[in-house]
Amino acid sequence: MPSFDIAILTTADDLLSGDSTDSSGTVVVDMLTRHGYRPRCSLAVSDSEKEIFAALNYLAQQARFVIISGGLGTGSNALTARAAARALGLPLVIHEEALEMVRSWCHTRHQALDPANQRVALLPQSAQLLANPQGMTPGFTLNYNQCRMFFLPAAVNELRTMLEQAVLPELKQDFPEEQRLHRRTLKLFGLTEVRIRTMIPNARLPEGVTLNYSHDFPLVLVNLKAQGEEAEQRLDQAEALLLQVLGDHLMAREGQNAESNVAQLLTQAGLTLSLAESCTGGLLCSMLTRHPGASAFLNRAGVTYADAAKQHWLKVPQAILLQHGAVSEPCARAMASGLRHESGTDLALAITGIAGPDGGTPDKPVGTVYLALASDSGVHAQRYLFSGDRARVQRMSAFMALEWLRRFALQRLDED
C-alpha cells in the first residue's frame, strides 16, 4: 500500500548547485494545492540517469501518483525517458505519434527536423502520450505497479498547461470531492502577522476550518483550509468572519494580485492616472501594466530620477530642490502637482526616496520615501521609513502607492 498519495520529482543540475530556484516544482505544488490536492513528498535530483532511476524506483513504491518534470527536452538526451524505461524494464523506442507531433511543431514554425528534435520522441514502449500545446516536447504517462507516473517538460508555461489539461482531470477522477482540501487565501497589506493573529477570533471559526500564514512580501497571506462535506460553506463562513476584522486591509484573494485589483478599481471608478517615479525606477508602472487593460486608466508615467528631470518634466521649482532636496515632502508634492497639471489626469502620484544601499544621511536614512497624490481635492503627501535592502524598499514603496490608489478608488466608488 502506498505511503502517500502524490509525490513530485524535479530533475535539473542547477537546482542542486544553487544556480536557480525550483520554479517547475513550485508550479506543480501551487497548481495542486489550488485544486485541493496535497503533495506529500517532493524530491529534486540532478540530470543523471542513475539518480533519476533511483528516485523513480523509490517513489513508485511510496506514492499513488508521481509528477515528474524535467529531463525530456532536446538538450537532455531523453535522460528521464531512459531512466523510466530502465526502471520499468521496457525498451526505449521512437514513438511515432510523438514524432509526428514534433514534425508538426517544426513545420508550423518553419524549423528543420534535426536529430536533436527527434530525440524527444524516444519514449518507453508502453508510454501513453500527453500532448504539449505550448511546446515541442511531448509528455507521457506510465503505470508502475500501483503508481501512476506523469512525465512532463520543465518549461513553466508548458508544464502549467499540461498539468491543467492532462494531470488534474485524472486526479479529479481518482479523488472524491470530500477528500480534496478546499482553501481560501486572503492577501493583506499594512498589518504584521503578529497583529493579524491577535485580531482573528479563532474561537468563532467554524468547526474543521484551519488557518496558517505565509508571506509574499510585503503581503501577509492568511490561508483558510477545510475538508469533507460542506467544506465550501464552512469556508464561506470563516472568510466572512475574517473580513469583518481584516477586510480593510484586503488587497487580493487567492488567484488574484494586488496590482490587477487596483487597476480594476481605478477603471471601475473612471479615474485616470499619471505616475512620476524616482527611487522605484518604474516598478509601480511595470506592476500596473503587467496585465492588459491599463490603457483604460493610465495616461503616462515617467522615471524622473535626476533633479533635472524633476525640473523639466514635472516643473519642480529649483528653489525646492536647493532648499529641501529631491527626497523631501515639498519635492514630492511639487512632483505630483506638476504632473497632474501637465497630464490633466484625475490622479497624479509621485514617489521619491532613498532605496540604498548608499545615499542616506542622519536626517534622511536609507529607506526614507515620500509619496504624494494629487487629485481634485488637493495634494496629500506622507513620509515613510522602510527597512530592508534596495529591492525591499522599492517593492514596499510600490505597494504603499498601490494601497493609496486602492483606498482612493474605493472611496470614490462609495461616493458614487
Protein backbone atom coordinates (compact mmCIF):
# COMPACT_ATOMS: atom_id res chain seq x y z
CA MET A 1 0.00 0.00 0.00
CA PRO A 2 1.49 3.39 -0.96
CA SER A 3 2.62 5.59 1.92
CA PHE A 4 1.19 8.78 0.40
CA ASP A 5 -0.99 9.93 -2.47
CA ILE A 6 1.02 12.41 -4.53
CA ALA A 7 4.77 12.93 -4.91
CA ILE A 8 6.79 15.36 -7.03
CA LEU A 9 10.14 14.70 -8.70
CA THR A 10 12.12 17.53 -10.28
CA THR A 11 15.27 16.94 -12.32
CA ALA A 12 17.87 19.62 -13.05
CA ASP A 13 21.53 20.12 -12.20
CA ASP A 14 21.09 23.80 -11.42
CA LEU A 15 18.59 23.06 -8.65
CA LEU A 16 21.30 21.38 -6.59
CA SER A 17 24.13 23.74 -7.46
CA GLY A 18 22.43 26.93 -6.29
CA ASP A 19 22.30 28.37 -9.82
CA SER A 20 18.50 28.57 -9.90
CA THR A 21 15.37 28.08 -7.85
CA ASP A 22 12.95 25.20 -8.39
CA SER A 23 10.41 27.07 -10.48
CA SER A 24 8.91 23.93 -12.03
CA GLY A 25 8.47 22.24 -8.65
CA THR A 26 6.84 25.40 -7.33
CA VAL A 27 4.42 25.44 -10.26
CA VAL A 28 3.37 21.85 -9.55
CA VAL A 29 2.84 22.46 -5.83
CA ASP A 30 0.93 25.68 -6.45
CA MET A 31 -1.41 24.15 -9.00
CA LEU A 32 -2.07 21.03 -6.95
CA THR A 33 -2.83 22.91 -3.76
CA ARG A 34 -5.06 25.41 -5.54
CA HIS A 35 -7.18 22.49 -6.76
CA GLY A 36 -7.36 20.81 -3.37
CA TYR A 37 -4.60 18.20 -3.70
CA ARG A 38 -1.85 17.98 -1.11
CA PRO A 39 1.51 16.61 -2.29
CA ARG A 40 3.21 14.64 0.48
CA CYS A 41 6.74 14.36 -0.89
CA SER A 42 8.98 16.37 -3.19
CA LEU A 43 12.40 15.28 -4.42
CA ALA A 44 14.98 17.03 -6.58
CA VAL A 45 17.76 15.14 -8.36
CA SER A 46 20.47 16.13 -10.81
CA ASP A 47 20.40 15.41 -14.53
CA SER A 48 21.75 11.91 -14.08
CA GLU A 49 20.07 8.79 -15.45
CA LYS A 50 21.28 6.83 -12.44
CA GLU A 51 19.82 9.29 -9.93
CA ILE A 52 16.52 9.66 -11.80
CA PHE A 53 16.25 5.86 -11.99
CA ALA A 54 16.79 5.53 -8.23
CA ALA A 55 14.26 8.26 -7.44
CA LEU A 56 11.63 6.69 -9.70
CA ASN A 57 12.11 3.29 -8.09
CA TYR A 58 11.73 4.77 -4.62
CA LEU A 59 8.68 6.93 -5.37
CA ALA A 60 6.91 4.16 -7.29
CA GLN A 61 6.84 2.17 -4.05
CA GLN A 62 5.70 5.08 -1.92
CA ALA A 63 3.10 7.06 -3.90
CA ARG A 64 -0.06 6.53 -5.90
CA PHE A 65 0.79 9.39 -8.25
CA VAL A 66 4.19 10.83 -9.15
CA ILE A 67 4.56 14.02 -11.20
CA ILE A 68 7.99 14.30 -12.82
CA SER A 69 9.27 17.44 -14.52
CA GLY A 70 12.49 17.85 -16.48
CA GLY A 71 14.89 15.74 -18.50
CA LEU A 72 12.71 15.47 -21.61
CA GLY A 73 13.82 18.34 -23.85
CA THR A 74 16.19 18.40 -26.81
CA GLY A 75 19.20 19.17 -24.63
CA SER A 76 18.64 16.37 -22.12
CA ASN A 77 19.29 13.36 -24.38
CA ALA A 78 16.00 11.83 -23.14
CA LEU A 79 17.51 11.22 -19.70
CA THR A 80 14.19 10.90 -17.87
CA ALA A 81 12.67 8.69 -20.57
CA ARG A 82 15.75 6.44 -20.43
CA ALA A 83 15.56 6.20 -16.64
CA ALA A 84 11.85 5.40 -16.76
CA ALA A 85 12.36 2.68 -19.38
CA ARG A 86 15.10 1.16 -17.28
CA ALA A 87 13.02 1.30 -14.08
CA LEU A 88 10.10 -0.49 -15.72
CA GLY A 89 12.22 -2.88 -17.77
CA LEU A 90 10.91 -1.51 -21.07
CA PRO A 91 12.70 -0.86 -24.35
CA LEU A 92 13.17 2.73 -25.45
CA VAL A 93 11.59 3.30 -28.87
CA ILE A 94 10.71 6.11 -31.24
CA HIS A 95 7.06 6.83 -30.52
CA GLU A 96 5.51 7.52 -33.91
CA GLU A 97 2.72 9.74 -32.61
CA ALA A 98 5.23 11.75 -30.61
CA LEU A 99 7.47 12.08 -33.64
CA GLU A 100 4.54 13.34 -35.69
CA MET A 101 3.87 15.96 -33.01
CA VAL A 102 7.49 17.08 -33.26
CA ARG A 103 7.32 17.22 -37.07
CA SER A 104 4.13 19.27 -36.92
CA TRP A 105 5.64 21.68 -34.39
CA CYS A 106 8.76 22.21 -36.52
CA HIS A 107 6.75 22.56 -39.73
CA THR A 108 4.42 25.24 -38.40
CA ARG A 109 7.46 27.22 -37.23
CA HIS A 110 9.49 26.62 -40.39
CA GLN A 111 12.19 24.75 -38.48
CA ALA A 112 14.20 21.80 -39.74
CA LEU A 113 13.67 18.44 -38.05
CA ASP A 114 17.19 17.62 -36.84
CA PRO A 115 18.31 14.61 -34.75
CA ALA A 116 18.14 16.65 -31.52
CA ASN A 117 14.46 17.30 -32.17
CA GLN A 118 13.76 13.65 -32.86
CA ARG A 119 15.24 12.59 -29.52
CA VAL A 120 12.23 13.97 -27.66
CA ALA A 121 10.14 11.21 -29.32
CA LEU A 122 12.26 8.49 -27.63
CA LEU A 123 9.85 7.04 -25.07
CA PRO A 124 9.38 3.79 -23.13
CA GLN A 125 7.47 1.34 -25.29
CA SER A 126 4.16 1.30 -23.38
CA ALA A 127 4.09 5.03 -22.66
CA GLN A 128 0.83 6.87 -23.19
CA LEU A 129 1.43 10.18 -24.90
CA LEU A 130 0.48 13.55 -23.40
CA ALA A 131 0.13 16.38 -25.91
CA ASN A 132 2.02 19.60 -25.30
CA PRO A 133 0.04 22.55 -26.74
CA GLN A 134 2.75 25.04 -25.73
CA GLY A 135 5.93 23.36 -26.94
CA MET A 136 7.64 20.71 -28.99
CA THR A 137 8.41 18.22 -26.21
CA PRO A 138 5.54 15.79 -25.52
CA GLY A 139 4.89 14.31 -22.11
CA PHE A 140 3.86 10.77 -21.29
CA THR A 141 2.41 8.57 -18.56
CA LEU A 142 3.35 5.13 -17.28
CA ASN A 143 1.84 2.75 -14.75
CA TYR A 144 4.31 1.08 -12.40
CA ASN A 145 2.60 -1.41 -10.08
CA GLN A 146 0.08 0.73 -8.13
CA CYS A 147 1.70 4.01 -9.14
CA ARG A 148 0.66 6.33 -11.96
CA MET A 149 3.55 8.45 -13.26
CA PHE A 150 3.25 11.67 -15.27
CA PHE A 151 6.36 12.84 -17.13
CA LEU A 152 6.26 16.50 -18.13
CA PRO A 153 8.67 19.10 -19.54
CA ALA A 154 10.15 21.60 -17.09
CA ALA A 155 9.40 24.79 -19.06
CA VAL A 156 6.94 26.62 -16.84
CA ASN A 157 4.32 27.58 -19.45
CA GLU A 158 4.31 24.09 -20.93
CA LEU A 159 4.24 22.46 -17.51
CA ARG A 160 1.35 24.57 -16.26
CA THR A 161 -0.77 23.89 -19.35
CA MET A 162 -0.14 20.13 -19.28
CA LEU A 163 -0.93 19.93 -15.58
CA GLU A 164 -4.22 21.68 -16.21
CA GLN A 165 -5.21 19.63 -19.25
CA ALA A 166 -3.74 16.19 -18.56
CA VAL A 167 -2.90 15.65 -14.89
CA LEU A 168 -5.65 17.38 -12.95
CA PRO A 169 -8.51 15.61 -14.79
CA GLU A 170 -7.05 12.23 -13.81
CA LEU A 171 -6.59 13.28 -10.20
CA LYS A 172 -10.16 14.52 -10.10
CA GLN A 173 -11.43 11.11 -11.20
CA ASP A 174 -9.41 9.32 -8.52
CA PHE A 175 -10.04 11.63 -5.55
CA PRO A 176 -13.64 12.04 -4.34
CA GLU A 177 -14.70 15.62 -3.68
CA GLU A 178 -14.83 15.06 0.09
CA GLN A 179 -11.16 14.01 0.11
CA ARG A 180 -9.98 17.20 -1.53
CA LEU A 181 -8.63 20.05 0.56
CA HIS A 182 -10.57 23.25 -0.04
CA ARG A 183 -8.87 26.56 0.64
CA ARG A 184 -9.17 30.33 0.59
CA THR A 185 -6.38 32.87 0.80
CA LEU A 186 -6.66 36.46 1.95
CA LYS A 187 -3.73 38.70 0.97
CA LEU A 188 -3.37 41.52 3.47
CA PHE A 189 -1.30 44.69 3.44
CA GLY A 190 -0.41 47.02 6.29
CA LEU A 191 -0.57 44.53 9.15
CA THR A 192 2.11 42.26 10.60
CA GLU A 193 1.43 38.57 11.11
CA VAL A 194 1.62 39.10 14.85
CA ARG A 195 -1.05 41.79 14.70
CA ILE A 196 -3.27 39.68 12.45
CA ARG A 197 -3.08 36.75 14.87
CA THR A 198 -4.40 38.93 17.68
CA MET A 199 -7.29 40.22 15.55
CA ILE A 200 -8.65 36.86 14.37
CA PRO A 201 -11.43 35.42 16.60
CA ASN A 202 -10.20 31.82 16.43
CA ALA A 203 -12.84 30.55 18.83
CA ARG A 204 -15.57 31.61 16.41
CA LEU A 205 -14.14 29.83 13.36
CA PRO A 206 -16.42 27.06 12.03
CA GLU A 207 -15.50 23.56 13.13
CA GLY A 208 -12.99 21.88 10.84
CA VAL A 209 -11.59 25.12 9.41
CA THR A 210 -7.87 25.58 9.99
CA LEU A 211 -5.66 28.52 9.13
CA ASN A 212 -1.98 29.21 8.67
CA TYR A 213 0.13 32.10 7.49
CA SER A 214 2.58 32.65 4.67
CA HIS A 215 4.26 35.70 3.17
CA ASP A 216 4.68 37.33 -0.21
CA PHE A 217 6.48 40.49 0.86
CA PRO A 218 5.04 42.87 1.77
CA LEU A 219 1.77 40.93 1.92
CA VAL A 220 0.75 38.56 4.70
CA LEU A 221 -1.30 35.64 3.39
CA VAL A 222 -3.94 34.12 5.64
CA ASN A 223 -4.73 30.64 4.34
CA LEU A 224 -8.03 29.02 5.33
CA LYS A 225 -8.48 25.28 4.76
CA ALA A 226 -11.29 22.77 5.19
CA GLN A 227 -12.01 19.23 4.09
CA GLY A 228 -15.05 16.97 3.89
CA GLU A 229 -18.73 17.65 3.41
CA GLU A 230 -19.84 21.29 3.27
CA ALA A 231 -16.21 22.46 3.19
CA GLU A 232 -17.06 25.38 0.91
CA GLN A 233 -19.91 26.54 3.13
CA ARG A 234 -17.67 26.45 6.21
CA LEU A 235 -15.01 28.41 4.35
CA ASP A 236 -17.63 30.98 3.31
CA GLN A 237 -18.49 31.48 6.98
CA ALA A 238 -14.84 31.70 8.03
CA GLU A 239 -13.99 34.17 5.28
CA ALA A 240 -16.92 36.40 6.19
CA LEU A 241 -15.81 36.33 9.84
CA LEU A 242 -12.24 37.33 8.99
CA LEU A 243 -13.30 40.07 6.63
CA GLN A 244 -15.24 41.72 9.47
CA VAL A 245 -11.94 42.44 11.24
CA LEU A 246 -9.41 42.36 8.37
CA GLY A 247 -11.35 43.47 5.32
CA ASP A 248 -9.97 47.00 5.37
CA HIS A 249 -6.51 45.56 4.63
CA LEU A 250 -7.53 43.06 1.93
CA MET A 251 -5.63 43.66 -1.31
CA ALA A 252 -6.32 40.37 -3.08
CA ARG A 253 -7.62 36.85 -2.73
CA GLU A 254 -6.20 33.56 -4.00
CA GLY A 255 -5.66 33.66 -7.75
CA GLN A 256 -5.60 37.47 -7.71
CA ASN A 257 -2.82 40.01 -7.31
CA ALA A 258 -2.84 43.45 -5.77
CA GLU A 259 -1.87 45.42 -8.86
CA SER A 260 -4.56 43.96 -11.13
CA ASN A 261 -7.18 44.55 -8.43
CA VAL A 262 -6.10 48.19 -8.09
CA ALA A 263 -6.18 48.57 -11.88
CA GLN A 264 -9.71 47.20 -11.93
CA LEU A 265 -10.82 49.57 -9.16
CA LEU A 266 -9.37 52.60 -10.97
CA THR A 267 -11.18 51.55 -14.15
CA GLN A 268 -14.47 50.99 -12.33
CA ALA A 269 -14.18 54.38 -10.65
CA GLY A 270 -13.48 56.05 -14.00
CA LEU A 271 -10.23 57.57 -12.72
CA THR A 272 -7.26 58.44 -14.90
CA LEU A 273 -3.72 58.27 -13.55
CA SER A 274 -0.24 59.54 -14.24
CA LEU A 275 2.92 58.48 -12.40
CA ALA A 276 6.26 60.05 -11.56
CA GLU A 277 8.74 57.58 -10.05
CA SER A 278 12.21 58.23 -8.78
CA CYS A 279 13.59 55.66 -6.31
CA THR A 280 11.27 52.89 -7.59
CA GLY A 281 12.63 53.24 -11.13
CA GLY A 282 9.36 52.44 -12.88
CA LEU A 283 8.42 49.46 -10.71
CA LEU A 284 4.92 50.75 -9.97
CA CYS A 285 4.22 51.40 -13.65
CA SER A 286 5.51 47.95 -14.53
CA MET A 287 3.19 46.35 -11.99
CA LEU A 288 0.13 48.25 -13.17
CA THR A 289 0.80 47.47 -16.85
CA ARG A 290 1.66 43.80 -16.33
CA HIS A 291 -1.88 42.83 -17.22
CA PRO A 292 -3.96 44.02 -20.20
CA GLY A 293 -6.37 46.91 -19.88
CA ALA A 294 -4.09 49.53 -18.30
CA SER A 295 -4.87 51.99 -21.10
CA ALA A 296 -8.32 52.43 -19.55
CA PHE A 297 -6.82 54.40 -16.65
CA LEU A 298 -3.08 55.03 -17.16
CA ASN A 299 -2.25 58.16 -19.14
CA ARG A 300 1.52 58.42 -18.72
CA ALA A 301 4.40 57.50 -16.45
CA GLY A 302 7.97 58.73 -16.14
CA VAL A 303 11.10 57.80 -14.22
CA THR A 304 12.24 61.25 -13.09
CA TYR A 305 15.46 60.13 -11.45
CA ALA A 306 17.64 63.20 -11.80
CA ASP A 307 16.87 66.63 -10.41
CA ALA A 308 16.91 67.98 -13.96
CA ALA A 309 14.11 65.60 -14.95
CA LYS A 310 12.05 66.71 -11.98
CA GLN A 311 12.52 70.32 -13.04
CA HIS A 312 11.96 69.94 -16.78
CA TRP A 313 9.25 67.26 -16.87
CA LEU A 314 7.39 67.95 -13.63
CA LYS A 315 8.10 71.66 -13.22
CA VAL A 316 9.52 71.22 -9.71
CA PRO A 317 10.89 74.66 -8.74
CA GLN A 318 14.66 74.78 -8.41
CA ALA A 319 14.24 76.54 -5.08
CA ILE A 320 12.56 73.46 -3.60
CA LEU A 321 15.39 71.20 -4.76
CA LEU A 322 18.02 73.56 -3.38
CA GLN A 323 16.32 74.15 -0.05
CA HIS A 324 14.74 70.78 0.71
CA GLY A 325 16.35 68.30 -1.67
CA ALA A 326 14.81 65.79 -4.05
CA VAL A 327 13.91 63.46 -1.17
CA SER A 328 11.52 65.69 0.72
CA GLU A 329 7.83 66.31 1.18
CA PRO A 330 7.88 69.64 -0.70
CA CYS A 331 9.54 67.94 -3.67
CA ALA A 332 7.07 65.04 -3.65
CA ARG A 333 4.17 67.49 -3.53
CA ALA A 334 5.61 69.53 -6.39
CA MET A 335 6.20 66.39 -8.46
CA ALA A 336 2.58 65.25 -8.06
CA SER A 337 1.00 68.66 -8.62
CA GLY A 338 3.25 69.44 -11.59
CA LEU A 339 2.49 66.10 -13.19
CA ARG A 340 -1.25 66.49 -12.71
CA HIS A 341 -1.11 69.97 -14.26
CA GLU A 342 0.86 68.71 -17.26
CA SER A 343 -1.14 65.49 -17.81
CA GLY A 344 -4.65 66.61 -16.91
CA THR A 345 -5.35 63.26 -15.21
CA ASP A 346 -7.66 62.80 -12.25
CA LEU A 347 -4.79 61.48 -10.16
CA ALA A 348 -1.06 62.05 -10.25
CA LEU A 349 1.13 60.01 -7.92
CA ALA A 350 4.79 60.72 -7.18
CA ILE A 351 7.41 58.64 -5.37
CA THR A 352 10.80 59.94 -4.29
CA GLY A 353 13.19 58.39 -1.79
CA ILE A 354 16.47 56.70 -0.94
CA ALA A 355 16.38 52.98 -1.76
CA GLY A 356 20.03 52.41 -0.83
CA PRO A 357 22.40 50.93 -0.14
CA ASP A 358 24.12 54.34 -0.33
CA GLY A 359 22.87 57.90 -0.22
CA GLY A 360 21.46 58.01 3.31
CA THR A 361 22.14 60.75 5.86
CA PRO A 362 21.30 61.07 9.58
CA ASP A 363 18.25 63.17 8.67
CA LYS A 364 17.28 61.03 5.69
CA PRO A 365 18.49 57.46 6.23
CA VAL A 366 18.25 54.73 3.62
CA GLY A 367 14.62 53.71 3.36
CA THR A 368 13.26 57.26 3.56
CA VAL A 369 10.48 57.54 0.98
CA TYR A 370 7.91 60.24 0.27
CA LEU A 371 4.64 59.61 -1.56
CA ALA A 372 2.38 62.33 -2.87
CA LEU A 373 -1.01 62.05 -4.54
CA ALA A 374 -2.57 65.00 -6.35
CA SER A 375 -6.30 64.97 -7.05
CA ASP A 376 -9.20 67.41 -7.33
CA SER A 377 -9.20 67.64 -3.53
CA GLY A 378 -5.59 68.79 -3.31
CA VAL A 379 -2.23 67.11 -2.70
CA HIS A 380 -1.69 64.57 0.05
CA ALA A 381 1.88 63.63 0.96
CA GLN A 382 3.49 61.42 3.58
CA ARG A 383 6.94 60.33 4.71
CA TYR A 384 7.82 56.68 5.35
CA LEU A 385 10.89 54.89 6.63
CA PHE A 386 11.04 51.41 5.12
CA SER A 387 13.54 48.75 6.19
CA GLY A 388 15.40 46.14 4.18
CA ASP A 389 17.66 46.11 1.17
CA ARG A 390 17.18 48.12 -2.01
CA ALA A 391 14.72 45.67 -3.58
CA ARG A 392 12.56 45.54 -0.45
CA VAL A 393 12.46 49.32 -0.10
CA GLN A 394 11.43 49.67 -3.75
CA ARG A 395 8.80 46.94 -3.51
CA MET A 396 7.38 48.33 -0.27
CA SER A 397 7.21 51.81 -1.81
CA ALA A 398 5.33 50.48 -4.85
CA PHE A 399 2.88 48.55 -2.69
CA MET A 400 2.25 51.54 -0.47
CA ALA A 401 1.46 53.54 -3.60
CA LEU A 402 -0.93 50.80 -4.72
CA GLU A 403 -2.59 50.98 -1.32
CA TRP A 404 -3.09 54.73 -1.68
CA LEU A 405 -4.66 54.23 -5.10
CA ARG A 406 -6.83 51.37 -3.84
CA ARG A 407 -8.24 53.40 -0.98
CA PHE A 408 -8.83 56.48 -3.14
CA ALA A 409 -10.69 54.44 -5.77
CA LEU A 410 -12.81 52.66 -3.15
CA GLN A 411 -13.73 56.00 -1.59
CA ARG A 412 -14.70 57.41 -4.98
CA LEU A 413 -16.83 54.33 -5.72
CA ASP A 414 -18.56 54.65 -2.33
CA GLU A 415 -19.34 58.31 -3.04
CA ASP A 416 -20.89 57.39 -6.36
